[in-house]
Protein backbone atom coordinates (compact mmCIF):
# COMPACT_ATOMS: atom_id res chain seq x y z
CA UNK A 1 -29.03 -17.20 1.68
CA UNK A 2 -30.09 -20.81 1.29
CA UNK A 3 -28.70 -22.01 4.64
CA UNK A 4 -29.36 -20.76 8.15
CA UNK A 5 -26.50 -19.59 10.32
CA UNK A 6 -26.80 -22.63 12.58
CA UNK A 7 -26.53 -24.94 9.55
CA UNK A 8 -23.45 -23.11 8.31
CA UNK A 9 -21.74 -23.37 11.69
CA UNK A 10 -22.83 -26.97 12.26
CA UNK A 11 -21.39 -27.96 8.87
CA UNK A 12 -17.94 -26.46 9.47
CA UNK A 13 -15.36 -29.24 9.06
CA UNK A 14 -13.11 -30.42 11.88
CA UNK A 15 -10.39 -31.68 9.51
CA UNK A 16 -9.14 -31.37 5.94
CA UNK A 17 -6.71 -29.13 4.11
CA UNK A 18 -8.20 -25.80 5.24
CA UNK A 19 -7.90 -26.79 8.89
CA UNK A 20 -4.40 -28.22 8.38
CA UNK A 21 -3.30 -25.00 6.69
CA UNK A 22 -4.70 -22.72 9.40
CA UNK A 23 -3.11 -24.83 12.13
CA UNK A 24 0.20 -24.68 10.26
CA UNK A 25 -0.05 -20.86 10.17
CA UNK A 26 -0.34 -20.59 13.96
CA UNK A 27 3.26 -19.29 14.00
CA UNK A 28 2.01 -16.12 12.23
CA UNK A 29 -0.70 -15.54 14.86
CA UNK A 30 0.37 -17.64 17.86
CA UNK A 31 -2.44 -19.12 19.90
CA UNK A 32 -5.10 -17.00 18.24
CA UNK A 33 -7.24 -19.61 16.53
CA UNK A 34 -9.20 -22.61 17.71
CA UNK A 35 -11.38 -24.46 15.23
CA UNK A 36 -14.67 -24.00 17.07
CA UNK A 37 -17.44 -25.80 15.17
CA UNK A 38 -21.11 -26.49 15.88
CA UNK A 39 -23.66 -23.79 16.68
CA UNK A 40 -24.41 -24.86 20.27
CA UNK A 41 -20.73 -25.43 20.93
CA UNK A 42 -19.98 -21.91 19.61
CA UNK A 43 -22.55 -20.40 21.98
CA UNK A 44 -21.01 -22.24 24.93
CA UNK A 45 -17.50 -21.22 23.92
CA UNK A 46 -18.31 -17.54 23.38
CA UNK A 47 -20.57 -17.01 26.42
CA UNK A 48 -19.24 -19.56 28.89
CA UNK A 49 -22.85 -20.54 29.60
CA UNK A 50 -23.95 -24.13 30.18
CA UNK A 51 -27.68 -23.67 30.95
CA UNK A 52 -29.60 -25.32 28.10
CA UNK A 53 -32.52 -22.93 28.32
CA UNK A 54 -30.32 -19.84 28.12
CA UNK A 55 -28.27 -21.38 25.32
CA UNK A 56 -31.46 -21.96 23.35
CA UNK A 57 -32.58 -18.35 23.89
CA UNK A 58 -29.20 -17.04 22.74
CA UNK A 59 -29.33 -19.29 19.69
CA UNK A 60 -32.84 -18.22 18.74
CA UNK A 61 -31.92 -14.55 19.09
CA UNK A 62 -28.75 -15.03 17.01
CA UNK A 63 -30.77 -16.77 14.27
CA UNK A 64 -33.33 -13.95 14.34
CA UNK A 65 -30.60 -11.32 13.95
CA UNK A 66 -29.00 -13.21 11.07
CA UNK A 67 -32.33 -13.55 9.29
CA UNK A 68 -33.16 -9.84 9.69
CA UNK A 69 -32.51 -8.43 6.22
CA UNK A 70 -32.12 -4.91 7.63
CA UNK A 71 -28.93 -6.11 9.33
CA UNK A 72 -25.75 -6.79 7.37
CA UNK A 73 -24.98 -10.29 8.57
CA UNK A 74 -26.12 -12.18 5.48
CA UNK A 75 -24.23 -9.77 3.21
CA UNK A 76 -21.07 -10.37 5.25
CA UNK A 77 -21.53 -14.13 4.97
CA UNK A 78 -22.04 -13.84 1.23
CA UNK A 79 -18.83 -11.83 0.89
CA UNK A 80 -16.77 -14.39 2.80
CA UNK A 81 -18.18 -17.13 0.58
CA UNK A 82 -17.82 -15.20 -2.68
CA UNK A 83 -14.09 -14.45 -2.41
CA UNK A 84 -13.46 -18.13 -1.71
CA UNK A 85 -15.60 -19.43 -4.56
CA UNK A 86 -12.86 -20.15 -7.09
CA UNK A 87 -13.03 -23.51 -8.82
CA UNK A 88 -12.78 -26.12 -6.07
CA UNK A 89 -13.23 -29.20 -8.28
CA UNK A 90 -9.54 -30.04 -8.17
CA UNK A 91 -9.33 -29.64 -4.43
CA UNK A 92 -12.42 -31.70 -3.66
CA UNK A 93 -10.60 -35.02 -3.78
CA UNK A 94 -7.66 -33.70 -1.79
CA UNK A 95 -9.99 -32.38 0.92
CA UNK A 96 -10.77 -35.99 1.77
CA UNK A 97 -7.32 -36.14 3.36
CA UNK A 98 -7.71 -36.26 7.10
CA UNK A 99 -6.01 -33.81 9.42
CA UNK A 100 -2.32 -34.59 9.84
CA UNK A 101 -1.90 -36.54 6.62
CA UNK A 102 0.60 -35.21 4.12
CA UNK A 103 -0.46 -34.31 0.59
CA UNK A 104 1.76 -35.02 -2.40
CA UNK A 105 1.50 -32.47 -5.18
CA UNK A 106 3.06 -34.42 -8.01
CA UNK A 107 -0.29 -35.64 -9.30
CA UNK A 108 -1.74 -32.13 -9.24
CA UNK A 109 0.94 -30.10 -10.99
CA UNK A 110 -0.26 -30.78 -14.53
CA UNK A 111 -3.77 -29.65 -13.55
CA UNK A 112 -2.78 -26.42 -11.84
CA UNK A 113 -2.37 -23.06 -13.54
CA UNK A 114 -0.49 -20.54 -11.39
CA UNK A 115 -1.97 -17.05 -11.57
CA UNK A 116 0.00 -14.18 -13.11
CA UNK A 117 0.92 -11.41 -10.68
CA UNK A 118 -1.90 -9.14 -11.88
CA UNK A 119 -4.58 -11.74 -11.16
CA UNK A 120 -3.01 -12.56 -7.78
CA UNK A 121 -2.91 -8.86 -6.92
CA UNK A 122 -6.60 -8.48 -7.73
CA UNK A 123 -7.52 -11.56 -5.70
CA UNK A 124 -5.58 -10.39 -2.65
CA UNK A 125 -7.15 -6.94 -2.86
CA UNK A 126 -10.66 -8.32 -3.28
CA UNK A 127 -10.24 -10.49 -0.20
CA UNK A 128 -9.08 -7.44 1.74
CA UNK A 129 -12.03 -5.36 0.51
CA UNK A 130 -14.41 -8.22 1.36
CA UNK A 131 -12.98 -8.18 4.89
CA UNK A 132 -13.43 -4.42 5.15
CA UNK A 133 -17.00 -4.37 3.81
CA UNK A 134 -17.99 -7.42 5.87
CA UNK A 135 -16.60 -5.72 8.99
CA UNK A 136 -18.74 -2.68 8.22
CA UNK A 137 -21.83 -4.82 7.58
CA UNK A 138 -21.40 -6.77 10.82
CA UNK A 139 -20.94 -3.57 12.82
CA UNK A 140 -23.72 -1.61 11.12
CA UNK A 141 -21.52 1.18 9.77
CA UNK A 142 -21.16 2.57 6.22
CA UNK A 143 -19.33 0.21 3.87
CA UNK A 144 -16.65 2.75 3.01
CA UNK A 145 -15.49 3.27 6.62
CA UNK A 146 -11.83 2.51 5.96
CA UNK A 147 -10.63 4.37 9.05
CA UNK A 148 -12.88 2.40 11.40
CA UNK A 149 -11.68 -0.86 9.85
CA UNK A 150 -8.00 0.03 10.15
CA UNK A 151 -8.55 1.03 13.77
CA UNK A 152 -10.25 -2.28 14.51
CA UNK A 153 -7.56 -4.26 12.67
CA UNK A 154 -5.14 -3.50 15.46
CA UNK A 155 -7.51 -5.26 17.86
CA UNK A 156 -8.15 -8.30 15.67
CA UNK A 157 -7.94 -11.67 17.44
CA UNK A 158 -9.08 -15.26 17.12
CA UNK A 159 -10.45 -16.41 13.79
CA UNK A 160 -10.33 -12.85 12.38
CA UNK A 161 -6.61 -12.59 13.13
CA UNK A 162 -5.73 -15.98 11.61
CA UNK A 163 -7.71 -15.03 8.49
CA UNK A 164 -5.69 -11.86 7.97
CA UNK A 165 -2.44 -13.67 8.76
CA UNK A 166 -3.35 -16.29 6.15
CA UNK A 167 -4.11 -13.52 3.65
CA UNK A 168 -0.60 -12.13 4.14
CA UNK A 169 1.07 -15.56 4.03
CA UNK A 170 -0.74 -17.52 1.31
CA UNK A 171 -2.15 -14.73 -0.86
CA UNK A 172 0.77 -12.33 -0.42
CA UNK A 173 4.12 -13.84 0.47
CA UNK A 174 3.95 -17.23 -1.25
CA UNK A 175 2.78 -16.16 -4.71
CA UNK A 176 4.21 -12.62 -4.87
CA UNK A 177 7.37 -12.83 -2.76
CA UNK A 178 8.87 -10.79 0.09
CA UNK A 179 8.13 -7.49 -1.67
CA UNK A 180 4.45 -8.36 -2.17
CA UNK A 181 3.29 -5.09 -0.61
CA UNK A 182 5.26 -3.04 -3.14
CA UNK A 183 4.14 -5.33 -5.97
CA UNK A 184 0.48 -4.93 -5.07
CA UNK A 185 0.81 -1.16 -4.62
CA UNK A 186 2.47 -0.88 -8.02
CA UNK A 187 0.01 -3.32 -9.59
CA UNK A 188 -3.02 -1.33 -8.45
CA UNK A 189 -1.56 1.97 -9.63
CA UNK A 190 -0.99 0.48 -13.09
CA UNK A 191 -4.37 -1.20 -13.26
CA UNK A 192 -7.32 -0.01 -15.31
CA UNK A 193 -11.03 -0.67 -14.82
CA UNK A 194 -11.03 -3.22 -17.64
CA UNK A 195 -8.59 -5.40 -15.69
CA UNK A 196 -11.11 -5.56 -12.86
CA UNK A 197 -14.06 -6.18 -15.16
CA UNK A 198 -12.35 -9.30 -16.50
CA UNK A 199 -11.99 -10.81 -13.02
CA UNK A 200 -14.77 -13.28 -12.17
CA UNK A 201 -14.66 -12.61 -8.43
CA UNK A 202 -14.96 -8.87 -9.02
CA UNK A 203 -17.96 -9.47 -11.28
CA UNK A 204 -19.65 -11.41 -8.49
CA UNK A 205 -19.01 -8.92 -5.69
CA UNK A 206 -18.75 -5.55 -7.46
CA UNK A 207 -22.17 -4.36 -6.25
CA UNK A 208 -20.94 -4.62 -2.67
CA UNK A 209 -17.81 -2.53 -3.29
CA UNK A 210 -18.17 1.23 -2.72
CA UNK A 211 -17.82 3.37 -5.85
CA UNK A 212 -20.17 4.72 -8.52
CA UNK A 213 -18.51 2.81 -11.36
CA UNK A 214 -15.63 0.39 -11.90
CA UNK A 215 -13.13 3.24 -11.86
CA UNK A 216 -14.48 4.43 -8.52
CA UNK A 217 -14.38 0.89 -7.15
CA UNK A 218 -10.77 0.53 -8.30
CA UNK A 219 -9.94 3.75 -6.43
CA UNK A 220 -11.61 2.37 -3.30
CA UNK A 221 -9.67 -0.89 -3.61
CA UNK A 222 -6.44 1.11 -3.89
CA UNK A 223 -7.31 3.24 -0.87
CA UNK A 224 -8.19 0.14 1.13
CA UNK A 225 -4.88 -1.59 0.43
CA UNK A 226 -2.92 1.61 1.01
CA UNK A 227 -4.52 1.98 4.43
CA UNK A 228 -3.70 -1.58 5.49
CA UNK A 229 -0.20 -2.05 4.05
CA UNK A 230 1.41 -0.61 7.19
CA UNK A 231 -0.37 -3.21 9.34
CA UNK A 232 0.67 -5.96 6.92
CA UNK A 233 4.29 -4.79 6.95
CA UNK A 234 4.30 -4.72 10.76
CA UNK A 235 2.96 -8.29 10.86
CA UNK A 236 5.65 -9.50 8.45
CA UNK A 237 8.41 -7.86 10.50
CA UNK A 238 7.09 -8.73 13.98
CA UNK A 239 6.55 -12.41 13.14
CA UNK A 240 9.60 -12.65 10.86
CA UNK A 241 7.43 -13.91 8.02
CA UNK A 242 9.03 -15.01 4.76
CA UNK A 243 8.30 -17.39 1.92
CA UNK A 244 10.68 -19.86 3.55
CA UNK A 245 9.13 -19.67 7.02
CA UNK A 246 5.61 -20.03 5.62
CA UNK A 247 6.57 -22.96 3.41
CA UNK A 248 8.48 -24.61 6.24
CA UNK A 249 5.37 -24.57 8.41
CA UNK A 250 3.07 -25.66 5.58
CA UNK A 251 5.42 -28.60 4.99
CA UNK A 252 3.88 -30.19 8.06
CA UNK A 253 1.13 -31.38 5.73
CA UNK A 254 2.34 -30.43 2.23
CA UNK A 255 5.32 -31.77 0.33
CA UNK A 256 6.62 -29.61 -2.50
CA UNK A 257 9.91 -28.15 -3.64
CA UNK A 258 10.85 -24.52 -2.98
CA UNK A 259 10.96 -23.78 -6.72
CA UNK A 260 7.25 -24.56 -7.05
CA UNK A 261 5.92 -21.75 -4.87
CA UNK A 262 3.56 -20.54 -7.58
CA UNK A 263 2.05 -24.03 -7.65
CA UNK A 264 1.71 -24.03 -3.86
CA UNK A 265 -0.31 -20.80 -4.14
CA UNK A 266 -2.47 -22.26 -6.90
CA UNK A 267 -3.07 -25.46 -4.97
CA UNK A 268 -4.05 -23.60 -1.80
CA UNK A 269 -6.39 -21.42 -3.86
CA UNK A 270 -8.36 -24.34 -5.29
CA UNK A 271 -8.26 -26.69 -2.32
CA UNK A 272 -8.96 -24.49 0.71
CA UNK A 273 -11.67 -22.05 1.74
CA UNK A 274 -10.05 -20.36 4.72
CA UNK A 275 -11.91 -17.08 4.18
CA UNK A 276 -15.33 -18.71 4.25
CA UNK A 277 -14.42 -21.04 7.12
CA UNK A 278 -13.03 -18.40 9.48
CA UNK A 279 -15.54 -15.82 8.23
CA UNK A 280 -18.39 -18.11 9.30
CA UNK A 281 -16.75 -18.41 12.72
CA UNK A 282 -16.33 -14.64 13.01
CA UNK A 283 -19.94 -14.03 12.05
CA UNK A 284 -21.22 -16.66 14.50
CA UNK A 285 -19.16 -15.13 17.30
CA UNK A 286 -20.46 -11.61 16.65
CA UNK A 287 -24.06 -12.83 16.44
CA UNK A 288 -23.76 -14.79 19.68
CA UNK A 289 -22.08 -11.89 21.49
CA UNK A 290 -24.84 -9.51 20.41
CA UNK A 291 -27.64 -11.98 21.16
CA UNK A 292 -26.20 -12.65 24.64
CA UNK A 293 -25.89 -8.93 25.35
CA UNK A 294 -29.49 -8.28 24.27
CA UNK A 295 -31.08 -10.94 26.49
C-alpha cells in the first residue's frame, strides 16, 4: 500500500457526492453514520480520550498494526478500494460540487452507459464478497468464514451499516428493481466462470476470493449472497425501502426523472466511492479500538 493509514484517514473528504449520497441514505440506517475524518479526530471519537500523549500512543500502535503484513488490515483496505475502482473520470468534475448543491444529470446522460443486469449482479456480489473477506481479514479469521460474517452482520452499526444499506439501495434496488434479490439469485445460478473472468473487478480481486479456480470462486460468491439475502430482505421490509423511496431521498442532491433509474445507478457508480470511504472509516475504527485495548 502506497499510503499509510493516517494519510488515508486524513484525506477523507468532508463534502462531495459520496458524502451527499450517504447522508441522503440515512433513512435506510437512521442515525448510524457520521462522517468522521482525520486520524487524530478518529482516535478522539472512538476512544473518548483527549490526552495528547495517549492519543499519540494509540495512533502509533494503530499505524504499527496496519503496517504489520502478518495482519489482514492492508488486504482489507485494498479490497474496499478495489471494488470501488471503476472509471471515475466522468465523476471527477462532478465531485467538485460542494455538499448540499444539486447535480443536474442532463449533461452526463450521453456519456453514461448503464450496466446490463448480469454486470450489475456481478458488481453487487463482488462488493458483498469484498465485505465478507475484509471482515475476516480485519478479525483475523479464515476468509471463507461465511457463518461468522452473517452472525456479525446482525450487529453492524455506524459506517459498516451505512455501507451495507447503500449496497442494498444503490447497487440493488435502483438498478435491478424491487425483486433484486431474486434477480441476483437467478443471475448467479445461470452464470458461468467465463462471465466472471470477463469482469475487470473480478480480475483484480480474484486472488482474494476463496476457491481453487474460477468455478470454485463462483460457488463461493453464490454461497455468500445466499447467506446474506435474508438480512437484505429484512432490511428492505423493516425500512420500507423501494426504488421510489431511495430516489426520493437522493433527490435532495440529484435531479433526474424516474424513468432514468439505470442512469442514476451508472452515475452513482462512476462518481462516488462509498465502499472505499466507509471502508477506510471502518478499518480506522477497528485499528484504534485494538490499539487502545492493547495499551
